[in-house]
Amino acid sequence: MTITQLTTFLRIAEEGNFTSAANSLGYAQSTVTMQIKQLEEELGVVLFDRLGKTVCLTSAGERLRIYAEKMQQLEREILADVPAADEPTGMLKLGVSESLCYDRFPQKLLSYREAYPRVDLRLQFVDHDTFPELLKKGGLDLVYTLNPLIEREDLVLLYKKEETLGFYVSPEHPLAGKKRVTEEDLADTPLLVTSHSCNFRKLLLKDLEGAGITPRLALETSSKEILKQFAINQLGVAFIPDMSTVEELRSGKLVRLNWKGGSFPIYSQVFIHKDKHVNKAILGLVDLIAKEDDGGTGEKQTGKKSGKQAEKQTGGSEEKSKKKQ
């Protein structure tokens, strides 16, 4: 089998259709069909169930997908590390929390692409619940997330920076001018919160429960833009990351309540899987994130496992490789 065949296999699994996969890869459909036929003959299994024009993976296909994704990740690492060049090359797949893209991160991306023009940086929005599995399978090389501090044995934390959440309302809202806002003030107030699986929402509800307050949830959505628009139109109090409201504060459309209640600790964090090799492309991105974060409060972790100390990976990967040889 070849990397080309595995790439074609993964694209068909993603598209659910041979024709769409062929078009996206720039192949004739007959070429795609032949590649899968050769793969199935070599492995002695059927990889796809053909359901009219739609295809889906068989149980054997599902097992192959795990290895194929890892092979793609290894190919990216080879292309990034092996060529004799000072400048990183190849593809880097980055998962990122949507909230991080409101303020600083887009500028960081521009700076990264200027510094490393030969790295093909691919972005994907991720959820807290799903990104560890994507790292494990090789679907992503690293993740830049905004969450409470994450502690998992299968993840390595490369960087963290403390961030903040806030309560936002229209300047005309009754709570806007109050000098001290606490949980009691939210008892009968419509709350605009993130979706059910979001940790921001969980932090708020836990705090209100501890204060004996039954929340009045007026809106739950993953879209920070919708939450802000509802707040601007005086439909409630939005509980969202401070970094997502820079423009609205500047224009005066929203104000931040003077919150004196419980705290909501969150961090921007960069993770890789514990078995992931830290190459120059990853190091360059982590260094740039740390350098350009405002306030200088970010902390590079130099390869600590999430939750406890691990063997240093950052900057020492090549040395470990030489010792093994």
Protein backbone atom coordinates (compact mmCIF):
# COMPACT_ATOMS: atom_id res chain seq x y z
CA MET A 1 0.00 0.00 0.00
CA THR A 2 1.06 3.61 -0.52
CA ILE A 3 0.49 6.95 1.15
CA THR A 4 -1.40 8.00 -1.98
CA GLN A 5 -3.82 5.11 -1.59
CA LEU A 6 -4.35 5.86 2.08
CA THR A 7 -4.93 9.55 1.33
CA THR A 8 -7.52 8.61 -1.26
CA PHE A 9 -9.15 6.20 1.19
CA LEU A 10 -9.44 8.93 3.84
CA ARG A 11 -10.84 11.44 1.39
CA ILE A 12 -13.57 9.01 0.28
CA ALA A 13 -14.41 8.32 3.92
CA GLU A 14 -14.70 12.08 4.49
CA GLU A 15 -16.72 12.83 1.35
CA GLY A 16 -18.89 9.71 1.42
CA ASN A 17 -18.68 9.56 -2.36
CA PHE A 18 -16.08 8.36 -4.87
CA THR A 19 -16.86 11.11 -7.40
CA SER A 20 -16.57 13.95 -4.88
CA ALA A 21 -13.31 12.50 -3.54
CA ALA A 22 -11.88 12.20 -7.05
CA ASN A 23 -12.80 15.81 -7.85
CA SER A 24 -11.27 17.17 -4.65
CA LEU A 25 -8.05 15.20 -5.24
CA GLY A 26 -7.83 16.09 -8.92
CA TYR A 27 -8.03 12.44 -10.06
CA ALA A 28 -10.23 10.66 -12.57
CA GLN A 29 -12.86 8.55 -10.82
CA SER A 30 -11.40 5.43 -12.42
CA THR A 31 -8.07 6.20 -10.71
CA VAL A 32 -9.73 6.49 -7.31
CA THR A 33 -11.68 3.27 -7.87
CA MET A 34 -8.50 1.42 -8.86
CA GLN A 35 -6.58 2.68 -5.81
CA ILE A 36 -9.28 1.40 -3.44
CA LYS A 37 -9.56 -1.89 -5.31
CA GLN A 38 -5.80 -2.44 -4.96
CA LEU A 39 -5.96 -1.56 -1.27
CA GLU A 40 -8.84 -3.96 -0.64
CA GLU A 41 -7.09 -6.75 -2.54
CA GLU A 42 -3.86 -6.26 -0.58
CA LEU A 43 -5.64 -6.29 2.78
CA GLY A 44 -8.17 -8.96 1.81
CA VAL A 45 -11.14 -6.98 3.13
CA VAL A 46 -13.95 -4.76 1.88
CA LEU A 47 -13.34 -1.18 3.04
CA PHE A 48 -16.57 0.49 1.90
CA ASP A 49 -20.22 -0.49 1.73
CA ARG A 50 -21.62 0.84 -1.55
CA LEU A 51 -25.10 2.27 -0.96
CA GLY A 52 -26.07 3.67 -4.35
CA LYS A 53 -23.98 6.80 -4.93
CA THR A 54 -23.08 6.99 -1.25
CA VAL A 55 -20.45 4.88 0.49
CA CYS A 56 -19.70 4.30 4.16
CA LEU A 57 -16.88 2.53 5.95
CA THR A 58 -17.15 -1.11 6.90
CA SER A 59 -15.82 -2.28 10.27
CA ALA A 60 -12.52 -3.09 8.53
CA GLY A 61 -12.54 0.38 6.98
CA GLU A 62 -13.03 1.96 10.39
CA ARG A 63 -10.01 0.07 11.70
CA LEU A 64 -7.91 1.13 8.73
CA ARG A 65 -8.88 4.79 9.15
CA ILE A 66 -7.14 4.93 12.55
CA TYR A 67 -3.85 3.75 11.02
CA ALA A 68 -4.25 5.81 7.84
CA GLU A 69 -4.63 9.02 9.87
CA LYS A 70 -1.49 8.13 11.82
CA MET A 71 0.37 7.47 8.56
CA GLN A 72 -0.66 10.90 7.27
CA GLN A 73 0.60 12.49 10.45
CA LEU A 74 3.92 10.65 10.16
CA GLU A 75 4.24 11.82 6.57
CA ARG A 76 3.73 15.42 7.69
CA GLU A 77 6.40 14.98 10.36
CA ILE A 78 8.85 13.50 7.87
CA LEU A 79 8.33 16.37 5.44
CA ALA A 80 8.71 18.90 8.26
CA ASP A 81 11.83 17.39 9.88
CA VAL A 82 13.87 15.32 7.45
CA PRO A 83 14.65 17.68 4.53
CA ALA A 84 18.03 19.36 5.02
CA ALA A 85 16.77 22.90 5.47
CA ASP A 86 16.87 25.43 8.28
CA GLU A 87 13.34 26.54 7.45
CA PRO A 88 10.41 24.26 8.46
CA THR A 89 8.34 22.82 5.61
CA GLY A 90 5.31 20.59 5.17
CA MET A 91 1.77 20.66 6.54
CA LEU A 92 0.75 21.57 10.09
CA LYS A 93 -2.82 20.83 11.20
CA LEU A 94 -3.95 23.12 14.01
CA GLY A 95 -7.16 22.88 15.98
CA VAL A 96 -8.26 26.14 17.58
CA SER A 97 -11.09 27.34 19.83
CA GLU A 98 -13.35 29.82 18.08
CA SER A 99 -13.08 32.29 20.96
CA LEU A 100 -9.33 32.72 20.37
CA CYS A 101 -9.94 33.98 16.85
CA TYR A 102 -11.69 37.21 17.86
CA ASP A 103 -8.69 39.23 18.93
CA ARG A 104 -5.02 38.27 18.88
CA PHE A 105 -4.83 35.00 16.97
CA PRO A 106 -5.51 36.18 13.40
CA GLN A 107 -2.53 38.52 13.64
CA LYS A 108 -0.41 35.68 15.03
CA LEU A 109 -1.33 33.59 12.01
CA LEU A 110 -0.17 36.34 9.66
CA SER A 111 3.10 36.62 11.56
CA TYR A 112 3.59 32.85 11.45
CA ARG A 113 3.00 32.64 7.71
CA GLU A 114 5.44 35.47 7.13
CA ALA A 115 8.06 33.75 9.30
CA TYR A 116 7.45 30.24 7.91
CA PRO A 117 6.15 30.59 4.33
CA ARG A 118 6.92 26.96 3.47
CA VAL A 119 4.65 25.56 6.19
CA ASP A 120 1.13 24.77 4.96
CA LEU A 121 -0.91 25.67 8.05
CA ARG A 122 -4.41 24.13 8.09
CA LEU A 123 -6.97 25.32 10.67
CA GLN A 124 -9.97 23.58 12.17
CA PHE A 125 -12.32 24.77 14.92
CA VAL A 126 -12.45 22.27 17.78
CA ASP A 127 -14.59 21.46 20.80
CA HIS A 128 -13.25 20.62 24.25
CA ASP A 129 -14.78 17.14 24.15
CA THR A 130 -13.46 16.06 20.75
CA PHE A 131 -9.96 17.48 20.28
CA PRO A 132 -8.04 14.90 22.40
CA GLU A 133 -9.26 12.10 20.12
CA LEU A 134 -8.29 14.10 17.03
CA LEU A 135 -4.78 14.51 18.43
CA LYS A 136 -4.59 10.81 19.23
CA LYS A 137 -5.68 9.73 15.74
CA GLY A 138 -3.37 12.20 14.01
CA GLY A 139 -6.18 14.30 12.58
CA LEU A 140 -4.54 17.29 14.26
CA ASP A 141 -0.90 18.03 15.11
CA LEU A 142 -1.61 20.47 17.92
CA VAL A 143 -4.49 22.35 19.54
CA TYR A 144 -4.77 25.93 20.77
CA THR A 145 -7.76 25.98 23.11
CA LEU A 146 -9.51 28.28 25.59
CA ASN A 147 -10.73 26.33 28.62
CA PRO A 148 -10.30 25.75 32.33
CA LEU A 149 -6.92 24.12 32.91
CA ILE A 150 -7.00 20.70 31.24
CA GLU A 151 -5.23 17.79 32.94
CA ARG A 152 -4.96 14.55 30.95
CA GLU A 153 -2.29 11.88 30.91
CA ASP A 154 -2.44 11.57 27.11
CA LEU A 155 -1.78 15.27 26.47
CA VAL A 156 1.36 17.39 26.71
CA LEU A 157 0.89 21.06 27.60
CA LEU A 158 3.31 23.30 25.67
CA TYR A 159 1.97 26.70 26.66
CA LYS A 160 -0.65 28.37 28.85
CA LYS A 161 -1.80 31.90 29.60
CA GLU A 162 -4.46 33.00 32.05
CA GLU A 163 -7.50 34.56 30.38
CA THR A 164 -10.77 36.04 31.65
CA LEU A 165 -14.52 35.70 31.26
CA GLY A 166 -16.94 38.57 31.76
CA PHE A 167 -20.58 39.58 31.92
CA TYR A 168 -21.63 41.97 29.13
CA VAL A 169 -24.73 44.10 28.68
CA SER A 170 -26.02 47.05 26.71
CA PRO A 171 -25.08 50.44 28.24
CA GLU A 172 -28.84 50.92 28.89
CA HIS A 173 -29.17 47.73 30.92
CA PRO A 174 -30.20 48.25 34.60
CA LEU A 175 -27.02 46.51 35.82
CA ALA A 176 -24.68 48.53 33.60
CA GLY A 177 -24.08 51.31 36.10
CA LYS A 178 -24.03 49.22 39.23
CA LYS A 179 -20.75 49.44 41.17
CA ARG A 180 -20.93 45.90 42.52
CA VAL A 181 -22.56 42.96 40.73
CA THR A 182 -22.79 39.52 42.37
CA GLU A 183 -24.67 36.27 41.92
CA GLU A 184 -27.75 37.68 43.68
CA ASP A 185 -28.11 40.32 40.94
CA LEU A 186 -28.45 37.55 38.34
CA ALA A 187 -31.30 35.76 40.12
CA ASP A 188 -34.08 37.10 37.87
CA THR A 189 -31.92 38.29 34.98
CA PRO A 190 -32.10 36.63 31.53
CA LEU A 191 -28.72 35.01 30.90
CA LEU A 192 -27.15 34.55 27.50
CA VAL A 193 -24.75 31.62 27.70
CA THR A 194 -22.74 29.27 25.53
CA SER A 195 -23.97 25.84 24.48
CA HIS A 196 -24.64 22.87 26.76
CA SER A 197 -21.23 21.22 26.30
CA CYS A 198 -19.21 24.42 26.76
CA ASN A 199 -17.11 24.72 29.91
CA PHE A 200 -17.83 28.46 30.23
CA ARG A 201 -21.50 27.65 30.78
CA LYS A 202 -20.60 24.90 33.26
CA LEU A 203 -18.42 27.27 35.29
CA LEU A 204 -21.23 29.82 35.56
CA LEU A 205 -23.94 27.32 36.48
CA LYS A 206 -21.72 25.75 39.14
CA ASP A 207 -21.04 29.17 40.65
CA LEU A 208 -24.74 30.11 40.68
CA GLU A 209 -25.67 26.76 42.19
CA GLY A 210 -23.15 27.32 44.98
CA ALA A 211 -24.77 30.68 45.70
CA GLY A 212 -28.25 29.13 45.74
CA ILE A 213 -29.34 30.93 42.58
CA THR A 214 -31.57 29.29 39.99
CA PRO A 215 -30.43 30.66 36.62
CA ARG A 216 -32.83 32.06 34.09
CA LEU A 217 -31.30 30.91 30.81
CA ALA A 218 -32.75 32.99 27.99
CA LEU A 219 -30.41 31.76 25.23
CA GLU A 220 -27.87 28.97 24.78
CA THR A 221 -25.72 28.95 21.65
CA SER A 222 -22.14 28.27 20.61
CA SER A 223 -22.07 31.52 18.62
CA LYS A 224 -20.44 34.38 20.52
CA GLU A 225 -21.69 36.78 17.83
CA ILE A 226 -25.30 35.87 18.53
CA LEU A 227 -24.78 36.20 22.28
CA LYS A 228 -23.30 39.66 21.78
CA GLN A 229 -26.13 40.78 19.50
CA PHE A 230 -28.74 39.67 22.02
CA ALA A 231 -26.92 41.59 24.75
CA ILE A 232 -26.62 44.70 22.56
CA ASN A 233 -30.40 44.57 22.03
CA GLN A 234 -31.00 44.43 25.80
CA LEU A 235 -32.23 40.84 25.77
CA GLY A 236 -30.03 39.68 28.63
CA VAL A 237 -26.56 39.40 30.14
CA ALA A 238 -23.96 37.63 27.99
CA PHE A 239 -21.31 35.54 29.75
CA ILE A 240 -18.41 35.26 27.30
CA PRO A 241 -14.61 35.56 27.06
CA ASP A 242 -13.30 39.10 27.34
CA MET A 243 -11.19 38.65 24.21
CA SER A 244 -14.36 38.27 22.12
CA THR A 245 -15.74 41.74 22.96
CA VAL A 246 -12.87 44.09 22.09
CA GLU A 247 -14.66 45.80 19.19
CA GLU A 248 -18.00 46.12 21.01
CA LEU A 249 -16.33 47.74 24.04
CA ARG A 250 -14.41 50.11 21.81
CA SER A 251 -17.57 51.17 19.97
CA GLY A 252 -19.62 51.46 23.16
CA LYS A 253 -22.17 48.86 22.10
CA LEU A 254 -21.45 46.75 25.18
CA VAL A 255 -20.16 47.37 28.69
CA ARG A 256 -18.58 44.90 31.10
CA LEU A 257 -20.33 44.50 34.45
CA ASN A 258 -18.30 45.22 37.57
CA TRP A 259 -18.39 41.61 38.74
CA LYS A 260 -17.56 40.97 42.40
CA GLY A 261 -18.83 37.41 42.66
CA GLY A 262 -17.07 34.08 42.15
CA SER A 263 -14.05 33.61 39.92
CA PHE A 264 -13.96 31.72 36.62
CA PRO A 265 -10.36 30.60 35.90
CA ILE A 266 -9.68 29.84 32.25
CA TYR A 267 -6.51 29.61 30.17
CA SER A 268 -5.45 29.68 26.56
CA GLN A 269 -3.48 26.44 26.21
CA VAL A 270 -1.48 24.65 23.52
CA PHE A 271 -1.51 20.85 23.52
CA ILE A 272 -0.05 17.98 21.56
CA HIS A 273 -0.54 14.25 22.04
CA LYS A 274 1.98 12.63 24.39
CA ASP A 275 3.47 10.57 21.55
CA LYS A 276 3.77 13.52 19.17
CA HIS A 277 7.24 14.63 18.05
CA VAL A 278 7.73 18.37 18.57
CA ASN A 279 9.16 19.62 15.28
CA LYS A 280 10.41 23.04 14.23
CA ALA A 281 7.05 24.06 12.77
CA ILE A 282 5.30 23.40 16.11
CA LEU A 283 8.05 25.10 18.13
CA GLY A 284 7.86 28.13 15.87
CA LEU A 285 4.12 28.50 16.39
CA VAL A 286 4.33 28.07 20.17
CA ASP A 287 7.18 30.59 20.38
CA LEU A 288 5.19 33.10 18.33
CA ILE A 289 2.05 32.68 20.46
CA ALA A 290 4.10 33.18 23.63
CA LYS A 291 5.96 36.18 22.21
CA GLU A 292 2.94 38.06 20.89
CA ASP A 293 0.57 37.50 23.82
CA ASP A 294 -0.21 40.85 25.42
CA GLY A 295 0.98 41.46 28.96
CA GLY A 296 3.73 38.86 28.93
CA THR A 297 1.79 36.56 31.28
CA GLY A 298 2.00 33.49 29.09
CA GLU A 299 4.04 30.52 30.27
CA LYS A 300 5.84 28.06 28.01
CA GLN A 301 5.64 24.59 29.54
CA THR A 302 8.58 22.93 27.71
CA GLY A 303 6.80 19.65 27.25
CA LYS A 304 5.03 19.01 30.55
CA LYS A 305 2.41 16.32 30.56
CA SER A 306 -0.94 17.77 31.49
CA GLY A 307 -1.30 17.15 35.20
CA LYS A 308 2.27 16.07 36.08
CA GLN A 309 5.89 16.44 35.03
CA ALA A 310 6.99 14.51 31.96
CA GLU A 311 10.21 14.17 30.08
CA LYS A 312 11.05 17.39 28.26
CA GLN A 313 10.15 17.25 24.58
CA THR A 314 10.47 20.82 23.44
CA GLY A 315 13.94 21.49 22.17
CA GLY A 316 15.13 18.04 23.21
CA SER A 317 13.42 15.77 20.72
CA GLU A 318 16.36 15.57 18.34
CA GLU A 319 18.78 14.87 21.21
CA LYS A 320 16.64 11.97 22.45
CA SER A 321 16.49 10.59 18.93
CA LYS A 322 20.29 10.64 18.66
CA LYS A 323 20.67 8.80 21.97
CA LYS A 324 18.34 6.05 20.77
CA GLN A 325 20.49 5.63 17.70
